[in-house]
Amino acid sequence: MKQLIVIILAFVAMTFADGMSNGTGFFVNSEYIVTAYHVVDTYEHVCYYDIQNDSCYQVHLVDYDLGSDLALLKLDEVPVAMPMVCRLAHSELPIGEKLTSYGYPDPFIDHDLTIIPMSIRMQYRYDGNYSYYRMTGTLVIGMSGGPHFTKDGRIGGMSKSISNMERNTSNLVKSIEVVRLLRQNGVREYPNT
């Protein structure tokens, strides 16, 4: 099953040849991409397609974490142009913090980002060591794995899912979980924004 990963600005849009699933992600440096594991878990990882330069580059899955629903992908080739990389928040965010969610629900039909304002409503805890933010606002299918930005331009977390428990709420993986996965794999951030 062929997977294309499309980069536009600082974000990655993922879509699949069967048209059944897509998602979003983001670069943490010029080589590594983070997205939701449920976006890529059943698909063959084939290439990253840079729509601005009409070029395709091989990628592979480096690591994933089922508990936090994170996947770390790595480019196998150097792209023509360095992707835009944004800073991650390295600490917990307070309840009430306003974030902006970005994603590509259908990147091959509409190249525009979908932008949804949200705020942290509460923290939830999984069984074990993981916790996540419950957000006000509803994500759109295809935004899984996309970044949520704080007012000061840091990525505060990654889109996980729409909440089935409450209306107009979504779940957000904390950026500290992203940082944990990166450190576990010896990956350093290199923001250029």
C-alpha atoms as a PDB file:
ATOM      1  CA  MET A   1       0.000   0.000   0.000  1.00  0.00           C
ATOM      2  CA  LYS A   2       1.611   3.277  -1.088  1.00  0.00           C
ATOM      3  CA  GLN A   3       1.820   6.198   1.308  1.00  0.00           C
ATOM      4  CA  LEU A   4       2.700   9.734   0.300  1.00  0.00           C
ATOM      5  CA  ILE A   5       3.771  12.319   2.839  1.00  0.00           C
ATOM      6  CA  VAL A   6       3.285  15.888   1.632  1.00  0.00           C
ATOM      7  CA  ILE A   7       5.150  18.796   3.199  1.00  0.00           C
ATOM      8  CA  ILE A   8       3.788  22.318   3.054  1.00  0.00           C
ATOM      9  CA  LEU A   9       5.564  24.872   5.234  1.00  0.00           C
ATOM     10  CA  ALA A  10       6.237  23.359   8.679  1.00  0.00           C
ATOM     11  CA  PHE A  11       3.646  20.618   8.442  1.00  0.00           C
ATOM     12  CA  VAL A  12       3.343  17.186   6.960  1.00  0.00           C
ATOM     13  CA  ALA A  13       0.157  15.963   5.343  1.00  0.00           C
ATOM     14  CA  MET A  14      -0.152  12.218   4.971  1.00  0.00           C
ATOM     15  CA  THR A  15      -2.476  10.469   2.621  1.00  0.00           C
ATOM     16  CA  PHE A  16      -2.674   6.976   1.225  1.00  0.00           C
ATOM     17  CA  ALA A  17      -3.259   5.495  -2.212  1.00  0.00           C
ATOM     18  CA  ASP A  18      -6.482   3.813  -1.124  1.00  0.00           C
ATOM     19  CA  GLY A  19      -7.883   7.184  -0.040  1.00  0.00           C
ATOM     20  CA  MET A  20      -9.161   5.638   3.193  1.00  0.00           C
ATOM     21  CA  SER A  21      -6.912   7.366   5.690  1.00  0.00           C
ATOM     22  CA  ASN A  22      -4.879  10.514   6.052  1.00  0.00           C
ATOM     23  CA  GLY A  23      -3.281  12.547   8.763  1.00  0.00           C
ATOM     24  CA  THR A  24      -0.922  15.381   9.522  1.00  0.00           C
ATOM     25  CA  GLY A  25       2.484  15.581  11.187  1.00  0.00           C
ATOM     26  CA  PHE A  26       5.377  17.988  11.747  1.00  0.00           C
ATOM     27  CA  PHE A  27       9.163  18.144  11.442  1.00  0.00           C
ATOM     28  CA  VAL A  28      11.209  18.284  14.669  1.00  0.00           C
ATOM     29  CA  ASN A  29      14.426  18.798  12.697  1.00  0.00           C
ATOM     30  CA  SER A  30      15.435  18.497   9.046  1.00  0.00           C
ATOM     31  CA  GLU A  31      15.414  14.674   9.196  1.00  0.00           C
ATOM     32  CA  TYR A  32      12.637  13.596  11.571  1.00  0.00           C
ATOM     33  CA  ILE A  33       8.843  13.818  11.410  1.00  0.00           C
ATOM     34  CA  VAL A  34       6.401  13.187  14.271  1.00  0.00           C
ATOM     35  CA  THR A  35       2.822  12.069  13.681  1.00  0.00           C
ATOM     36  CA  ALA A  36       0.155   9.973  15.382  1.00  0.00           C
ATOM     37  CA  TYR A  37       0.955   6.267  15.326  1.00  0.00           C
ATOM     38  CA  HIS A  38      -2.629   5.361  14.406  1.00  0.00           C
ATOM     39  CA  VAL A  39      -2.126   7.346  11.167  1.00  0.00           C
ATOM     40  CA  VAL A  40       0.750   5.125   9.971  1.00  0.00           C
ATOM     41  CA  ASP A  41       0.443   1.824  11.852  1.00  0.00           C
ATOM     42  CA  THR A  42      -1.154  -0.226   9.059  1.00  0.00           C
ATOM     43  CA  TYR A  43       0.541   1.382   6.062  1.00  0.00           C
ATOM     44  CA  GLU A  44       3.812   0.805   4.251  1.00  0.00           C
ATOM     45  CA  HIS A  45       6.042   3.844   4.685  1.00  0.00           C
ATOM     46  CA  VAL A  46       7.152   4.758   1.189  1.00  0.00           C
ATOM     47  CA  CYS A  47       8.015   8.411   0.612  1.00  0.00           C
ATOM     48  CA  TYR A  48       7.806  12.016   1.713  1.00  0.00           C
ATOM     49  CA  TYR A  49       6.560  14.135  -1.155  1.00  0.00           C
ATOM     50  CA  ASP A  50       7.616  17.779  -1.137  1.00  0.00           C
ATOM     51  CA  ILE A  51       4.788  19.454  -3.021  1.00  0.00           C
ATOM     52  CA  GLN A  52       6.660  22.770  -3.339  1.00  0.00           C
ATOM     53  CA  ASN A  53       9.605  21.135  -5.141  1.00  0.00           C
ATOM     54  CA  ASP A  54       7.645  18.233  -6.695  1.00  0.00           C
ATOM     55  CA  SER A  55      10.131  15.736  -5.236  1.00  0.00           C
ATOM     56  CA  CYS A  56       9.731  12.435  -3.410  1.00  0.00           C
ATOM     57  CA  TYR A  57      12.056  11.163  -0.663  1.00  0.00           C
ATOM     58  CA  GLN A  58      12.161   7.779   1.055  1.00  0.00           C
ATOM     59  CA  VAL A  59      11.202   7.595   4.761  1.00  0.00           C
ATOM     60  CA  HIS A  60      10.971   4.860   7.367  1.00  0.00           C
ATOM     61  CA  LEU A  61       9.424   4.339  10.797  1.00  0.00           C
ATOM     62  CA  VAL A  62      12.106   4.759  13.484  1.00  0.00           C
ATOM     63  CA  ASP A  63      10.048   4.219  16.625  1.00  0.00           C
ATOM     64  CA  TYR A  64       6.539   4.471  17.983  1.00  0.00           C
ATOM     65  CA  ASP A  65       4.747   4.514  21.305  1.00  0.00           C
ATOM     66  CA  LEU A  66       1.304   2.948  21.547  1.00  0.00           C
ATOM     67  CA  GLY A  67       0.581   4.509  24.941  1.00  0.00           C
ATOM     68  CA  SER A  68       0.986   8.079  23.713  1.00  0.00           C
ATOM     69  CA  ASP A  69       0.017   7.299  20.072  1.00  0.00           C
ATOM     70  CA  LEU A  70       3.263   8.803  18.717  1.00  0.00           C
ATOM     71  CA  ALA A  71       5.274   7.745  15.652  1.00  0.00           C
ATOM     72  CA  LEU A  72       8.733   8.966  14.706  1.00  0.00           C
ATOM     73  CA  LEU A  73       9.614   8.871  10.983  1.00  0.00           C
ATOM     74  CA  LYS A  74      13.006   9.589   9.395  1.00  0.00           C
ATOM     75  CA  LEU A  75      13.874  10.829   5.937  1.00  0.00           C
ATOM     76  CA  ASP A  76      16.311   8.499   4.161  1.00  0.00           C
ATOM     77  CA  GLU A  77      17.358  11.220   1.688  1.00  0.00           C
ATOM     78  CA  VAL A  78      18.290  14.879   2.025  1.00  0.00           C
ATOM     79  CA  PRO A  79      15.514  17.109   0.631  1.00  0.00           C
ATOM     80  CA  VAL A  80      16.143  19.883  -1.895  1.00  0.00           C
ATOM     81  CA  ALA A  81      15.048  22.518   0.622  1.00  0.00           C
ATOM     82  CA  MET A  82      15.232  22.305   4.402  1.00  0.00           C
ATOM     83  CA  PRO A  83      11.745  22.006   5.903  1.00  0.00           C
ATOM     84  CA  MET A  84      10.507  24.570   8.385  1.00  0.00           C
ATOM     85  CA  VAL A  85      10.961  23.278  11.936  1.00  0.00           C
ATOM     86  CA  CYS A  86       9.201  24.737  14.973  1.00  0.00           C
ATOM     87  CA  ARG A  87      10.086  24.682  18.676  1.00  0.00           C
ATOM     88  CA  LEU A  88       8.455  22.210  21.074  1.00  0.00           C
ATOM     89  CA  ALA A  89       7.205  23.150  24.533  1.00  0.00           C
ATOM     90  CA  HIS A  90       9.275  21.213  27.085  1.00  0.00           C
ATOM     91  CA  SER A  91       6.922  21.672  30.035  1.00  0.00           C
ATOM     92  CA  GLU A  92       3.293  21.147  31.006  1.00  0.00           C
ATOM     93  CA  LEU A  93       0.868  23.792  29.810  1.00  0.00           C
ATOM     94  CA  PRO A  94      -1.697  25.303  32.190  1.00  0.00           C
ATOM     95  CA  ILE A  95      -5.437  24.651  32.085  1.00  0.00           C
ATOM     96  CA  GLY A  96      -7.047  27.392  29.994  1.00  0.00           C
ATOM     97  CA  GLU A  97      -4.007  27.822  27.714  1.00  0.00           C
ATOM     98  CA  LYS A  98      -5.137  28.771  24.211  1.00  0.00           C
ATOM     99  CA  LEU A  99      -3.703  26.744  21.329  1.00  0.00           C
ATOM    100  CA  THR A 100      -4.248  26.717  17.586  1.00  0.00           C
ATOM    101  CA  SER A 101      -4.570  23.364  15.833  1.00  0.00           C
ATOM    102  CA  TYR A 102      -3.354  22.914  12.253  1.00  0.00           C
ATOM    103  CA  GLY A 103      -3.925  20.074   9.821  1.00  0.00           C
ATOM    104  CA  TYR A 104      -4.626  18.904   6.289  1.00  0.00           C
ATOM    105  CA  PRO A 105      -7.902  16.968   6.100  1.00  0.00           C
ATOM    106  CA  ASP A 106      -7.608  16.475   2.316  1.00  0.00           C
ATOM    107  CA  PRO A 107      -4.227  17.723   1.046  1.00  0.00           C
ATOM    108  CA  PHE A 108      -4.509  16.604  -2.576  1.00  0.00           C
ATOM    109  CA  ILE A 109      -7.811  18.380  -3.123  1.00  0.00           C
ATOM    110  CA  ASP A 110      -7.256  21.425  -0.924  1.00  0.00           C
ATOM    111  CA  HIS A 111      -3.687  22.560  -0.047  1.00  0.00           C
ATOM    112  CA  ASP A 112      -4.979  25.010   2.557  1.00  0.00           C
ATOM    113  CA  LEU A 113      -4.393  24.297   6.216  1.00  0.00           C
ATOM    114  CA  THR A 114      -7.422  23.795   8.423  1.00  0.00           C
ATOM    115  CA  ILE A 115      -6.990  25.974  11.503  1.00  0.00           C
ATOM    116  CA  ILE A 116      -9.044  25.446  14.682  1.00  0.00           C
ATOM    117  CA  PRO A 117      -8.684  27.558  17.842  1.00  0.00           C
ATOM    118  CA  MET A 118      -8.749  25.462  21.027  1.00  0.00           C
ATOM    119  CA  SER A 119      -7.961  25.716  24.704  1.00  0.00           C
ATOM    120  CA  ILE A 120      -6.878  23.210  27.332  1.00  0.00           C
ATOM    121  CA  ARG A 121      -9.931  22.198  29.314  1.00  0.00           C
ATOM    122  CA  MET A 122      -8.404  19.568  31.620  1.00  0.00           C
ATOM    123  CA  GLN A 123      -5.771  16.889  31.925  1.00  0.00           C
ATOM    124  CA  TYR A 124      -6.607  13.215  31.590  1.00  0.00           C
ATOM    125  CA  ARG A 125      -4.474  10.277  32.611  1.00  0.00           C
ATOM    126  CA  TYR A 126      -4.179   6.931  30.901  1.00  0.00           C
ATOM    127  CA  ASP A 127      -3.389   3.810  32.854  1.00  0.00           C
ATOM    128  CA  GLY A 128       0.353   3.999  33.374  1.00  0.00           C
ATOM    129  CA  ASN A 129       2.625   7.006  32.943  1.00  0.00           C
ATOM    130  CA  TYR A 130       0.845   8.854  30.141  1.00  0.00           C
ATOM    131  CA  SER A 131      -1.451  11.828  30.376  1.00  0.00           C
ATOM    132  CA  TYR A 132      -2.997  14.051  27.710  1.00  0.00           C
ATOM    133  CA  TYR A 133      -4.918  17.298  27.393  1.00  0.00           C
ATOM    134  CA  ARG A 134      -8.669  17.400  26.806  1.00  0.00           C
ATOM    135  CA  MET A 135      -9.295  20.403  24.540  1.00  0.00           C
ATOM    136  CA  THR A 136     -12.339  22.517  23.747  1.00  0.00           C
ATOM    137  CA  GLY A 137     -12.977  22.399  20.007  1.00  0.00           C
ATOM    138  CA  THR A 138     -13.458  19.547  17.554  1.00  0.00           C
ATOM    139  CA  LEU A 139     -10.738  18.271  15.245  1.00  0.00           C
ATOM    140  CA  VAL A 140     -11.517  17.295  11.665  1.00  0.00           C
ATOM    141  CA  ILE A 141     -10.695  13.818  10.345  1.00  0.00           C
ATOM    142  CA  GLY A 142      -7.225  14.032   8.790  1.00  0.00           C
ATOM    143  CA  MET A 143      -5.824  16.340  11.477  1.00  0.00           C
ATOM    144  CA  SER A 144      -4.497  13.459  13.624  1.00  0.00           C
ATOM    145  CA  GLY A 145      -0.791  13.935  14.237  1.00  0.00           C
ATOM    146  CA  GLY A 146      -0.920  17.664  13.525  1.00  0.00           C
ATOM    147  CA  PRO A 147       0.662  20.337  15.723  1.00  0.00           C
ATOM    148  CA  HIS A 148      -1.069  22.647  18.207  1.00  0.00           C
ATOM    149  CA  PHE A 149       0.704  25.959  18.634  1.00  0.00           C
ATOM    150  CA  THR A 150       0.866  28.150  21.733  1.00  0.00           C
ATOM    151  CA  LYS A 151       0.614  31.943  21.442  1.00  0.00           C
ATOM    152  CA  ASP A 152       4.407  32.222  21.571  1.00  0.00           C
ATOM    153  CA  GLY A 153       4.880  29.859  18.597  1.00  0.00           C
ATOM    154  CA  ARG A 154       5.847  26.626  20.344  1.00  0.00           C
ATOM    155  CA  ILE A 155       4.237  23.273  19.562  1.00  0.00           C
ATOM    156  CA  GLY A 156       2.276  22.446  22.724  1.00  0.00           C
ATOM    157  CA  GLY A 157       1.138  19.035  21.551  1.00  0.00           C
ATOM    158  CA  MET A 158      -0.100  16.791  18.764  1.00  0.00           C
ATOM    159  CA  SER A 159      -3.679  16.079  17.694  1.00  0.00           C
ATOM    160  CA  LYS A 160      -4.729  12.634  18.909  1.00  0.00           C
ATOM    161  CA  SER A 161      -8.474  12.190  18.507  1.00  0.00           C
ATOM    162  CA  ILE A 162     -11.961  13.591  18.778  1.00  0.00           C
ATOM    163  CA  SER A 163     -13.454  12.831  22.179  1.00  0.00           C
ATOM    164  CA  ASN A 164     -16.309  10.352  22.179  1.00  0.00           C
ATOM    165  CA  MET A 165     -17.205  11.266  25.754  1.00  0.00           C
ATOM    166  CA  GLU A 166     -18.109  14.935  25.333  1.00  0.00           C
ATOM    167  CA  ARG A 167     -19.304  17.141  22.503  1.00  0.00           C
ATOM    168  CA  ASN A 168     -16.968  19.780  21.083  1.00  0.00           C
ATOM    169  CA  THR A 169     -13.871  18.283  22.690  1.00  0.00           C
ATOM    170  CA  SER A 170     -10.697  16.710  21.328  1.00  0.00           C
ATOM    171  CA  ASN A 171      -7.664  14.976  22.799  1.00  0.00           C
ATOM    172  CA  LEU A 172      -4.125  16.300  22.509  1.00  0.00           C
ATOM    173  CA  VAL A 173      -0.863  14.405  23.138  1.00  0.00           C
ATOM    174  CA  LYS A 174       1.344  16.621  25.286  1.00  0.00           C
ATOM    175  CA  SER A 175       4.528  17.973  23.744  1.00  0.00           C
ATOM    176  CA  ILE A 176       6.456  16.535  26.697  1.00  0.00           C
ATOM    177  CA  GLU A 177       5.505  13.065  25.383  1.00  0.00           C
ATOM    178  CA  VAL A 178       6.969  14.048  21.983  1.00  0.00           C
ATOM    179  CA  VAL A 179      10.153  15.229  23.721  1.00  0.00           C
ATOM    180  CA  ARG A 180      10.331  11.918  25.618  1.00  0.00           C
ATOM    181  CA  LEU A 181      10.136   9.902  22.365  1.00  0.00           C
ATOM    182  CA  LEU A 182      12.796  12.096  20.735  1.00  0.00           C
ATOM    183  CA  ARG A 183      15.206  11.765  23.683  1.00  0.00           C
ATOM    184  CA  GLN A 184      14.627   8.015  23.838  1.00  0.00           C
ATOM    185  CA  ASN A 185      15.870   7.840  20.234  1.00  0.00           C
ATOM    186  CA  GLY A 186      18.720  10.339  20.589  1.00  0.00           C
ATOM    187  CA  VAL A 187      16.969  12.882  18.341  1.00  0.00           C
ATOM    188  CA  ARG A 188      17.597  16.553  19.000  1.00  0.00           C
ATOM    189  CA  GLU A 189      15.362  19.394  17.886  1.00  0.00           C
ATOM    190  CA  TYR A 190      16.793  21.921  15.472  1.00  0.00           C
ATOM    191  CA  PRO A 191      14.162  24.622  15.090  1.00  0.00           C
ATOM    192  CA  ASN A 192      14.730  27.163  12.324  1.00  0.00           C
ATOM    193  CA  THR A 193      11.712  29.387  12.984  1.00  0.00           C
END
